[in-house]
């Protein structure tokens, strides 16, 4: 599976969970953050630096998804394994 396909699968999982995804140029905003999972006005959101490599985006997204309850949705085994391997 290519990195692009993996990223698309992870994005789809986030959207199925009702988590908004935002790709922002964090350097331009002046925000000092690596991105990741947060709540904004009580709504779950994952913020990812648009300028990060695909590999880094995958890592941030998988780590963020690992913080959520994934029991109620089907996730292909290889992708679930990737998510569960991420440290919180």
N, C-alpha and C. Protein backbone atom coordinates (compact mmCIF):
# COMPACT_ATOMS: atom_id res chain seq x y z
N UNK A 1 0.86 -1.17 0.00
CA UNK A 1 0.00 0.00 0.00
C UNK A 1 0.90 1.23 0.00
N UNK A 2 0.60 2.17 -0.88
CA UNK A 2 1.41 3.39 -0.97
C UNK A 2 1.09 4.32 0.20
N UNK A 3 1.99 5.25 0.43
CA UNK A 3 1.77 6.24 1.50
C UNK A 3 0.51 7.05 1.22
N UNK A 4 0.26 7.38 -0.04
CA UNK A 4 -0.92 8.16 -0.39
C UNK A 4 -2.20 7.39 -0.06
N UNK A 5 -2.22 6.09 -0.38
CA UNK A 5 -3.40 5.27 -0.08
C UNK A 5 -3.60 5.15 1.42
N UNK A 6 -2.51 4.98 2.15
CA UNK A 6 -2.58 4.86 3.60
C UNK A 6 -3.12 6.15 4.21
N UNK A 7 -2.63 7.29 3.73
CA UNK A 7 -3.11 8.58 4.22
C UNK A 7 -4.61 8.74 3.93
N UNK A 8 -5.04 8.33 2.76
CA UNK A 8 -6.46 8.42 2.41
C UNK A 8 -7.32 7.54 3.32
N UNK A 9 -6.84 6.34 3.63
CA UNK A 9 -7.58 5.45 4.55
C UNK A 9 -7.71 6.10 5.93
N UNK A 10 -6.63 6.67 6.43
CA UNK A 10 -6.65 7.29 7.75
C UNK A 10 -7.58 8.51 7.76
N UNK A 11 -7.56 9.30 6.70
CA UNK A 11 -8.46 10.45 6.60
C UNK A 11 -9.92 10.00 6.60
N UNK A 12 -10.19 8.93 5.87
CA UNK A 12 -11.56 8.40 5.82
C UNK A 12 -12.03 7.94 7.19
N UNK A 13 -11.16 7.29 7.95
CA UNK A 13 -11.51 6.84 9.30
C UNK A 13 -11.85 8.05 10.18
N UNK A 14 -11.02 9.08 10.11
CA UNK A 14 -11.29 10.29 10.91
C UNK A 14 -12.65 10.87 10.56
N UNK A 15 -12.96 10.96 9.29
CA UNK A 15 -14.23 11.54 8.87
C UNK A 15 -15.40 10.66 9.30
N UNK A 16 -15.24 9.34 9.24
CA UNK A 16 -16.31 8.44 9.69
C UNK A 16 -16.56 8.60 11.18
N UNK A 17 -15.54 8.98 11.93
CA UNK A 17 -15.67 9.20 13.37
C UNK A 17 -16.20 10.60 13.69
N UNK A 18 -16.40 11.41 12.67
CA UNK A 18 -16.90 12.76 12.89
C UNK A 18 -15.83 13.74 13.33
N UNK A 19 -14.57 13.42 13.04
CA UNK A 19 -13.46 14.29 13.41
C UNK A 19 -13.08 15.13 12.20
N UNK A 20 -13.09 16.43 12.37
CA UNK A 20 -12.72 17.33 11.28
C UNK A 20 -11.21 17.28 11.06
N UNK A 21 -10.81 17.35 9.80
CA UNK A 21 -9.39 17.41 9.45
C UNK A 21 -9.08 18.78 8.90
N UNK A 22 -7.98 19.35 9.38
CA UNK A 22 -7.54 20.65 8.86
C UNK A 22 -6.08 20.57 8.52
N UNK A 23 -5.79 20.87 7.27
CA UNK A 23 -4.41 20.97 6.82
C UNK A 23 -4.07 22.45 6.75
N UNK A 24 -3.15 22.87 7.60
CA UNK A 24 -2.78 24.28 7.70
C UNK A 24 -1.27 24.42 7.55
N UNK A 25 -0.85 25.56 7.07
CA UNK A 25 0.57 25.88 7.06
C UNK A 25 0.89 26.48 8.42
N UNK A 26 1.27 25.64 9.36
CA UNK A 26 1.45 26.08 10.74
C UNK A 26 2.61 27.07 10.90
N UNK A 27 3.59 27.00 10.01
CA UNK A 27 4.70 27.96 10.08
C UNK A 27 4.21 29.37 9.79
N UNK A 28 3.30 29.49 8.82
CA UNK A 28 2.78 30.80 8.44
C UNK A 28 1.87 31.40 9.49
N UNK A 29 1.18 30.55 10.23
CA UNK A 29 0.22 31.06 11.22
C UNK A 29 0.91 31.56 12.48
N UNK A 30 2.17 31.22 12.65
CA UNK A 30 2.89 31.62 13.85
C UNK A 30 2.62 30.70 15.02
N UNK A 31 1.87 29.64 14.78
CA UNK A 31 1.57 28.66 15.82
C UNK A 31 2.74 27.70 15.94
N UNK A 32 3.21 27.51 17.14
CA UNK A 32 4.31 26.56 17.38
C UNK A 32 3.69 25.25 17.84
N UNK A 33 3.42 24.39 16.86
CA UNK A 33 2.79 23.11 17.16
C UNK A 33 3.16 22.10 16.10
N UNK A 34 3.21 20.84 16.50
CA UNK A 34 3.42 19.76 15.54
C UNK A 34 2.11 19.32 14.92
N UNK A 35 1.00 19.86 15.42
CA UNK A 35 -0.31 19.43 14.96
C UNK A 35 -0.77 18.24 15.79
N UNK A 36 -1.92 17.67 15.43
CA UNK A 36 -2.45 16.52 16.13
C UNK A 36 -3.89 16.73 16.54
N UNK A 37 -4.35 15.88 17.47
CA UNK A 37 -5.74 15.88 17.91
C UNK A 37 -5.99 16.98 18.93
N UNK A 38 -7.12 17.65 18.77
CA UNK A 38 -7.54 18.65 19.75
C UNK A 38 -9.05 18.80 19.66
N UNK A 39 -9.60 19.60 20.56
CA UNK A 39 -11.02 19.97 20.50
C UNK A 39 -11.08 21.47 20.40
N UNK A 40 -11.88 21.93 19.46
CA UNK A 40 -12.08 23.35 19.26
C UNK A 40 -13.56 23.63 19.40
N UNK A 41 -13.92 24.42 20.38
CA UNK A 41 -15.32 24.69 20.70
C UNK A 41 -16.08 23.38 20.92
N UNK A 42 -15.41 22.42 21.56
CA UNK A 42 -16.03 21.15 21.90
C UNK A 42 -16.10 20.15 20.76
N UNK A 43 -15.61 20.52 19.58
CA UNK A 43 -15.67 19.63 18.42
C UNK A 43 -14.29 19.01 18.16
N UNK A 44 -14.25 17.69 17.97
CA UNK A 44 -12.95 17.04 17.74
C UNK A 44 -12.36 17.43 16.39
N UNK A 45 -11.05 17.61 16.40
CA UNK A 45 -10.37 18.05 15.19
C UNK A 45 -8.94 17.52 15.19
N UNK A 46 -8.44 17.23 14.01
CA UNK A 46 -7.03 16.88 13.85
C UNK A 46 -6.43 17.93 12.92
N UNK A 47 -5.40 18.59 13.41
CA UNK A 47 -4.71 19.62 12.63
C UNK A 47 -3.37 19.05 12.19
N UNK A 48 -3.11 19.17 10.90
CA UNK A 48 -1.87 18.64 10.32
C UNK A 48 -1.19 19.76 9.53
N UNK A 49 0.12 19.85 9.70
CA UNK A 49 0.87 20.85 8.96
C UNK A 49 0.90 20.45 7.48
N UNK A 50 0.38 21.31 6.66
CA UNK A 50 0.29 21.06 5.22
C UNK A 50 1.67 20.81 4.60
N UNK A 51 2.70 21.38 5.17
CA UNK A 51 4.05 21.26 4.61
C UNK A 51 4.80 20.00 5.05
N UNK A 52 4.22 19.23 5.96
CA UNK A 52 4.87 17.99 6.40
C UNK A 52 4.90 16.96 5.28
N UNK A 53 5.84 16.04 5.37
CA UNK A 53 5.91 14.94 4.40
C UNK A 53 4.70 14.02 4.59
N UNK A 54 4.42 13.22 3.59
CA UNK A 54 3.31 12.27 3.72
C UNK A 54 3.54 11.33 4.90
N UNK A 55 4.76 10.89 5.08
CA UNK A 55 5.08 9.99 6.18
C UNK A 55 4.76 10.63 7.52
N UNK A 56 5.09 11.90 7.67
CA UNK A 56 4.82 12.63 8.92
C UNK A 56 3.31 12.83 9.11
N UNK A 57 2.60 13.14 8.03
CA UNK A 57 1.14 13.29 8.10
C UNK A 57 0.50 11.98 8.55
N UNK A 58 0.98 10.86 8.01
CA UNK A 58 0.47 9.54 8.40
C UNK A 58 0.70 9.31 9.88
N UNK A 59 1.89 9.63 10.35
CA UNK A 59 2.23 9.43 11.76
C UNK A 59 1.33 10.26 12.68
N UNK A 60 1.14 11.53 12.35
CA UNK A 60 0.31 12.40 13.18
C UNK A 60 -1.14 11.93 13.17
N UNK A 61 -1.63 11.56 12.01
CA UNK A 61 -3.01 11.10 11.89
C UNK A 61 -3.23 9.79 12.64
N UNK A 62 -2.30 8.84 12.50
CA UNK A 62 -2.42 7.55 13.19
C UNK A 62 -2.35 7.75 14.71
N UNK A 63 -1.43 8.59 15.16
CA UNK A 63 -1.30 8.86 16.60
C UNK A 63 -2.56 9.51 17.14
N UNK A 64 -3.13 10.42 16.38
CA UNK A 64 -4.36 11.11 16.79
C UNK A 64 -5.53 10.13 16.86
N UNK A 65 -5.65 9.25 15.86
CA UNK A 65 -6.73 8.28 15.83
C UNK A 65 -6.61 7.27 16.97
N UNK A 66 -5.39 7.00 17.41
CA UNK A 66 -5.17 6.06 18.50
C UNK A 66 -5.75 6.57 19.82
N UNK A 67 -6.03 7.85 19.90
CA UNK A 67 -6.61 8.43 21.12
C UNK A 67 -8.13 8.26 21.16
N UNK A 68 -8.71 7.82 20.05
CA UNK A 68 -10.17 7.74 19.94
C UNK A 68 -10.66 6.31 20.07
N UNK A 69 -11.95 6.16 20.35
CA UNK A 69 -12.57 4.84 20.43
C UNK A 69 -12.87 4.36 19.01
N UNK A 70 -12.16 3.34 18.59
CA UNK A 70 -12.30 2.81 17.23
C UNK A 70 -13.08 1.51 17.18
N UNK A 71 -13.65 1.10 18.30
CA UNK A 71 -14.30 -0.20 18.38
C UNK A 71 -15.51 -0.34 17.46
N UNK A 72 -16.22 0.73 17.19
CA UNK A 72 -17.47 0.62 16.45
C UNK A 72 -17.36 0.65 14.94
N UNK A 73 -16.14 0.76 14.39
CA UNK A 73 -16.01 0.84 12.94
C UNK A 73 -15.02 -0.20 12.43
N UNK A 74 -15.26 -0.64 11.19
CA UNK A 74 -14.33 -1.57 10.58
C UNK A 74 -13.12 -0.81 10.06
N UNK A 75 -11.95 -1.30 10.43
CA UNK A 75 -10.69 -0.76 9.94
C UNK A 75 -9.88 -1.94 9.45
N UNK A 76 -9.38 -1.89 8.21
CA UNK A 76 -8.55 -3.00 7.72
C UNK A 76 -7.44 -3.33 8.72
N UNK A 77 -7.17 -4.62 8.93
CA UNK A 77 -6.22 -5.04 9.96
C UNK A 77 -4.86 -4.34 9.91
N UNK A 78 -4.29 -4.15 8.73
CA UNK A 78 -2.97 -3.52 8.63
C UNK A 78 -3.02 -2.07 9.11
N UNK A 79 -4.11 -1.39 8.82
CA UNK A 79 -4.24 0.01 9.22
C UNK A 79 -4.52 0.10 10.72
N UNK A 80 -5.34 -0.81 11.23
CA UNK A 80 -5.59 -0.84 12.68
C UNK A 80 -4.29 -1.10 13.44
N UNK A 81 -3.47 -2.00 12.92
CA UNK A 81 -2.19 -2.31 13.55
C UNK A 81 -1.29 -1.07 13.58
N UNK A 82 -1.28 -0.32 12.48
CA UNK A 82 -0.49 0.92 12.43
C UNK A 82 -0.97 1.91 13.48
N UNK A 83 -2.29 2.10 13.55
CA UNK A 83 -2.86 3.05 14.51
C UNK A 83 -2.52 2.62 15.95
N UNK A 84 -2.71 1.36 16.24
CA UNK A 84 -2.49 0.87 17.61
C UNK A 84 -1.01 0.86 18.00
N UNK A 85 -0.12 0.91 17.01
CA UNK A 85 1.31 0.91 17.31
C UNK A 85 1.82 2.29 17.70
N UNK A 86 0.99 3.31 17.53
CA UNK A 86 1.40 4.68 17.82
C UNK A 86 1.29 4.97 19.31
N UNK A 87 2.25 5.68 19.86
CA UNK A 87 2.22 6.08 21.26
C UNK A 87 1.26 7.25 21.44
N UNK A 88 0.59 7.28 22.58
CA UNK A 88 -0.31 8.41 22.87
C UNK A 88 0.45 9.54 23.49
